């Protein structure tokens, strides 16, 4: 049998089954305190809205959050795609349009952010950029801003589009539209390997 105590300032409600409450009109000062007891087990929880994405703060997985975020307009732009195959840190070694080998580092995060840099071998970063990614059907699109490290005056937007596939730990990106991520590589295939460093 599960017992739930809900503190609704200034009173207390005791129930022997499920109950529905409304609270936390402020996202910074909670006004609910939940205590769930079953035998000698007890869980205490204060529902709070996350300052990062507005969802229920539940880092310790104390409660089951069945909020239908995907059906709520305010969360439609912030859904994480935690199981996207291409999320992770990737590295590639490719030649630019002048035939010089460059090391490319790409990080795709489940929250929809992307960071990218390339340089000479493992020593010097020549350019870097960051921004967001999105899936448009089977096309992966980047919306980034950045440029050479030595000059903030030459920063620029970079909006490339790729088809993608992950095969045996290799992320294959084929450039199909938009800006180049490396000089002279329009329409080329990039093979990124999992970055273990």
Protein backbone atom coordinates (compact mmCIF):
# COMPACT_ATOMS: atom_id res chain seq x y z
CA UNK A 1 0.00 0.00 0.00
CA UNK A 2 1.34 3.45 -0.96
CA UNK A 3 0.79 6.49 1.21
CA UNK A 4 1.29 9.98 -0.18
CA UNK A 5 1.56 13.15 1.87
CA UNK A 6 1.30 16.39 -0.07
CA UNK A 7 2.11 19.63 1.59
CA UNK A 8 0.02 22.37 -0.01
CA UNK A 9 1.04 25.30 2.05
CA UNK A 10 -0.48 25.84 4.55
CA UNK A 11 -2.18 22.39 4.86
CA UNK A 12 -1.43 18.68 4.46
CA UNK A 13 -3.36 16.11 2.44
CA UNK A 14 -3.09 12.38 3.17
CA UNK A 15 -4.26 9.83 0.63
CA UNK A 16 -4.25 6.09 0.22
CA UNK A 17 -4.28 6.24 -3.58
CA UNK A 18 -3.56 8.54 -6.49
CA UNK A 19 -4.46 12.21 -6.21
CA UNK A 20 -4.10 15.14 -8.60
CA UNK A 21 -2.68 18.43 -7.39
CA UNK A 22 -1.77 21.71 -9.02
CA UNK A 23 1.08 23.77 -7.67
CA UNK A 24 4.39 25.49 -8.24
CA UNK A 25 3.00 28.63 -9.80
CA UNK A 26 6.57 29.97 -9.60
CA UNK A 27 9.36 28.11 -11.40
CA UNK A 28 11.90 29.20 -8.77
CA UNK A 29 10.07 28.72 -5.46
CA UNK A 30 8.26 25.37 -5.12
CA UNK A 31 5.13 25.19 -2.98
CA UNK A 32 4.70 21.41 -3.03
CA UNK A 33 6.48 18.79 -0.97
CA UNK A 34 5.68 15.14 -1.71
CA UNK A 35 6.41 12.28 0.67
CA UNK A 36 5.60 8.79 -0.60
CA UNK A 37 5.78 5.92 1.91
CA UNK A 38 5.47 2.18 1.47
CA UNK A 39 6.28 0.17 4.55
CA UNK A 40 9.68 1.35 5.76
CA UNK A 41 10.57 2.93 2.38
CA UNK A 42 10.13 6.66 1.96
CA UNK A 43 10.76 9.04 -0.95
CA UNK A 44 10.72 12.81 -0.47
CA UNK A 45 10.42 15.03 -3.53
CA UNK A 46 9.87 18.70 -4.28
CA UNK A 47 8.65 19.23 -7.85
CA UNK A 48 10.72 21.94 -9.53
CA UNK A 49 10.91 23.12 -13.12
CA UNK A 50 14.36 22.77 -14.70
CA UNK A 51 16.02 26.07 -15.52
CA UNK A 52 17.74 24.37 -18.50
CA UNK A 53 14.76 23.14 -20.53
CA UNK A 54 11.62 23.81 -18.48
CA UNK A 55 10.88 20.13 -17.85
CA UNK A 56 10.33 18.54 -14.46
CA UNK A 57 13.64 18.35 -12.58
CA UNK A 58 14.09 14.66 -11.91
CA UNK A 59 17.83 14.01 -12.08
CA UNK A 60 17.73 11.29 -9.42
CA UNK A 61 14.72 9.59 -11.08
CA UNK A 62 12.69 9.78 -7.87
CA UNK A 63 9.38 10.04 -9.69
CA UNK A 64 7.88 8.84 -12.95
CA UNK A 65 7.38 11.86 -15.20
CA UNK A 66 4.57 11.09 -17.66
CA UNK A 67 4.19 14.67 -18.90
CA UNK A 68 3.37 14.55 -22.66
CA UNK A 69 6.16 16.98 -23.64
CA UNK A 70 5.88 15.99 -27.31
CA UNK A 71 2.27 17.25 -27.38
CA UNK A 72 3.07 20.61 -25.72
CA UNK A 73 3.95 23.51 -28.03
CA UNK A 74 6.42 25.07 -25.59
CA UNK A 75 8.61 21.94 -25.75
CA UNK A 76 8.43 21.20 -29.46
CA UNK A 77 11.71 22.99 -30.19
CA UNK A 78 13.68 21.55 -27.28
CA UNK A 79 13.10 17.81 -27.51
CA UNK A 80 16.29 15.87 -27.08
CA UNK A 81 17.06 13.11 -29.53
CA UNK A 82 19.14 11.08 -27.13
CA UNK A 83 19.07 7.93 -29.25
CA UNK A 84 20.15 9.54 -32.54
CA UNK A 85 22.86 7.26 -33.92
CA UNK A 86 25.07 10.13 -35.01
CA UNK A 87 25.23 11.86 -31.60
CA UNK A 88 28.72 11.78 -30.14
CA UNK A 89 32.24 13.01 -30.73
CA UNK A 90 33.78 12.21 -34.13
CA UNK A 91 37.13 12.72 -35.84
CA UNK A 92 38.15 12.50 -39.50
CA UNK A 93 41.31 13.05 -41.56
CA UNK A 94 40.48 14.46 -44.99
CA UNK A 95 42.27 16.43 -47.70
CA UNK A 96 41.11 19.95 -48.48
CA UNK A 97 40.88 21.42 -52.01
CA UNK A 98 44.65 22.09 -51.99
CA UNK A 99 45.47 18.45 -51.18
CA UNK A 100 46.54 19.24 -47.59
CA UNK A 101 45.45 16.75 -44.94
CA UNK A 102 43.28 18.24 -42.20
CA UNK A 103 42.03 16.81 -38.93
CA UNK A 104 38.28 17.42 -38.47
CA UNK A 105 36.57 17.16 -35.09
CA UNK A 106 32.75 17.11 -34.97
CA UNK A 107 30.59 16.90 -31.86
CA UNK A 108 26.85 16.30 -32.23
CA UNK A 109 24.90 16.54 -28.98
CA UNK A 110 21.43 15.14 -28.17
CA UNK A 111 20.22 18.64 -27.24
CA UNK A 112 20.57 19.72 -30.88
CA UNK A 113 23.89 21.56 -30.57
CA UNK A 114 26.93 21.01 -32.77
CA UNK A 115 30.57 22.08 -32.59
CA UNK A 116 33.12 21.66 -35.36
CA UNK A 117 36.81 22.43 -35.77
CA UNK A 118 39.56 21.54 -38.19
CA UNK A 119 43.29 21.98 -38.15
CA UNK A 120 46.69 20.73 -39.16
CA UNK A 121 47.15 17.25 -37.71
CA UNK A 122 46.77 17.11 -33.95
CA UNK A 123 48.52 20.39 -33.29
CA UNK A 124 46.94 23.58 -34.56
CA UNK A 125 43.23 24.44 -34.88
CA UNK A 126 42.71 26.64 -37.94
CA UNK A 127 38.95 27.24 -37.78
CA UNK A 128 36.13 26.37 -35.43
CA UNK A 129 32.40 26.96 -35.32
CA UNK A 130 29.36 25.99 -33.31
CA UNK A 131 25.61 26.13 -33.53
CA UNK A 132 22.70 23.71 -33.90
CA UNK A 133 21.77 20.69 -36.01
CA UNK A 134 18.42 19.40 -37.21
CA UNK A 135 17.09 16.46 -39.18
CA UNK A 136 14.98 17.20 -42.25
CA UNK A 137 13.82 13.74 -43.30
CA UNK A 138 17.07 11.86 -43.95
CA UNK A 139 19.12 15.07 -44.33
CA UNK A 140 21.28 16.37 -41.48
CA UNK A 141 21.56 20.18 -41.48
CA UNK A 142 24.00 22.34 -39.53
CA UNK A 143 23.42 26.00 -38.62
CA UNK A 144 26.82 27.19 -37.37
CA UNK A 145 28.77 30.39 -36.82
CA UNK A 146 32.53 30.69 -36.52
CA UNK A 147 35.74 31.07 -38.46
CA UNK A 148 39.51 31.37 -38.11
CA UNK A 149 40.82 31.50 -34.54
CA UNK A 150 43.19 34.40 -35.05
CA UNK A 151 40.58 36.92 -36.25
CA UNK A 152 37.06 37.53 -34.94
CA UNK A 153 36.48 39.93 -37.87
CA UNK A 154 36.39 37.10 -40.40
CA UNK A 155 33.72 35.01 -38.66
CA UNK A 156 30.90 33.77 -40.87
CA UNK A 157 27.75 31.63 -41.02
CA UNK A 158 28.11 28.04 -42.19
CA UNK A 159 24.96 26.13 -43.23
CA UNK A 160 25.90 22.77 -44.79
CA UNK A 161 23.55 19.84 -45.43
CA UNK A 162 24.50 16.16 -45.54
CA UNK A 163 23.04 12.73 -46.04
CA UNK A 164 24.28 10.49 -43.28
CA UNK A 165 24.76 6.85 -42.32
CA UNK A 166 26.48 5.14 -39.39
CA UNK A 167 28.30 1.92 -40.29
CA UNK A 168 30.40 -0.05 -37.77
CA UNK A 169 31.29 3.00 -35.68
CA UNK A 170 31.90 5.24 -38.72
CA UNK A 171 29.71 8.28 -39.41
CA UNK A 172 29.58 8.89 -43.16
CA UNK A 173 28.47 12.40 -44.11
CA UNK A 174 27.99 13.22 -47.79
CA UNK A 175 27.77 16.95 -48.54
CA UNK A 176 24.68 17.65 -50.67
CA UNK A 177 23.95 21.36 -50.24
CA UNK A 178 25.00 24.61 -48.63
CA UNK A 179 28.39 25.73 -47.38
CA UNK A 180 31.53 23.59 -47.32
CA UNK A 181 32.94 22.56 -43.94
CA UNK A 182 36.38 22.27 -45.53
CA UNK A 183 37.72 24.23 -48.51
CA UNK A 184 37.17 22.50 -51.86
CA UNK A 185 35.03 19.61 -50.59
CA UNK A 186 31.60 20.44 -52.03
CA UNK A 187 29.74 17.16 -52.70
CA UNK A 188 32.40 15.02 -50.98
CA UNK A 189 32.03 12.09 -48.55
CA UNK A 190 33.54 12.48 -45.07
CA UNK A 191 34.28 9.42 -42.91
CA UNK A 192 34.22 10.31 -39.22
CA UNK A 193 35.39 7.77 -36.64
CA UNK A 194 34.46 7.74 -32.96
CA UNK A 195 36.70 10.18 -31.11
CA UNK A 196 38.29 8.22 -28.26
CA UNK A 197 40.49 11.03 -26.91
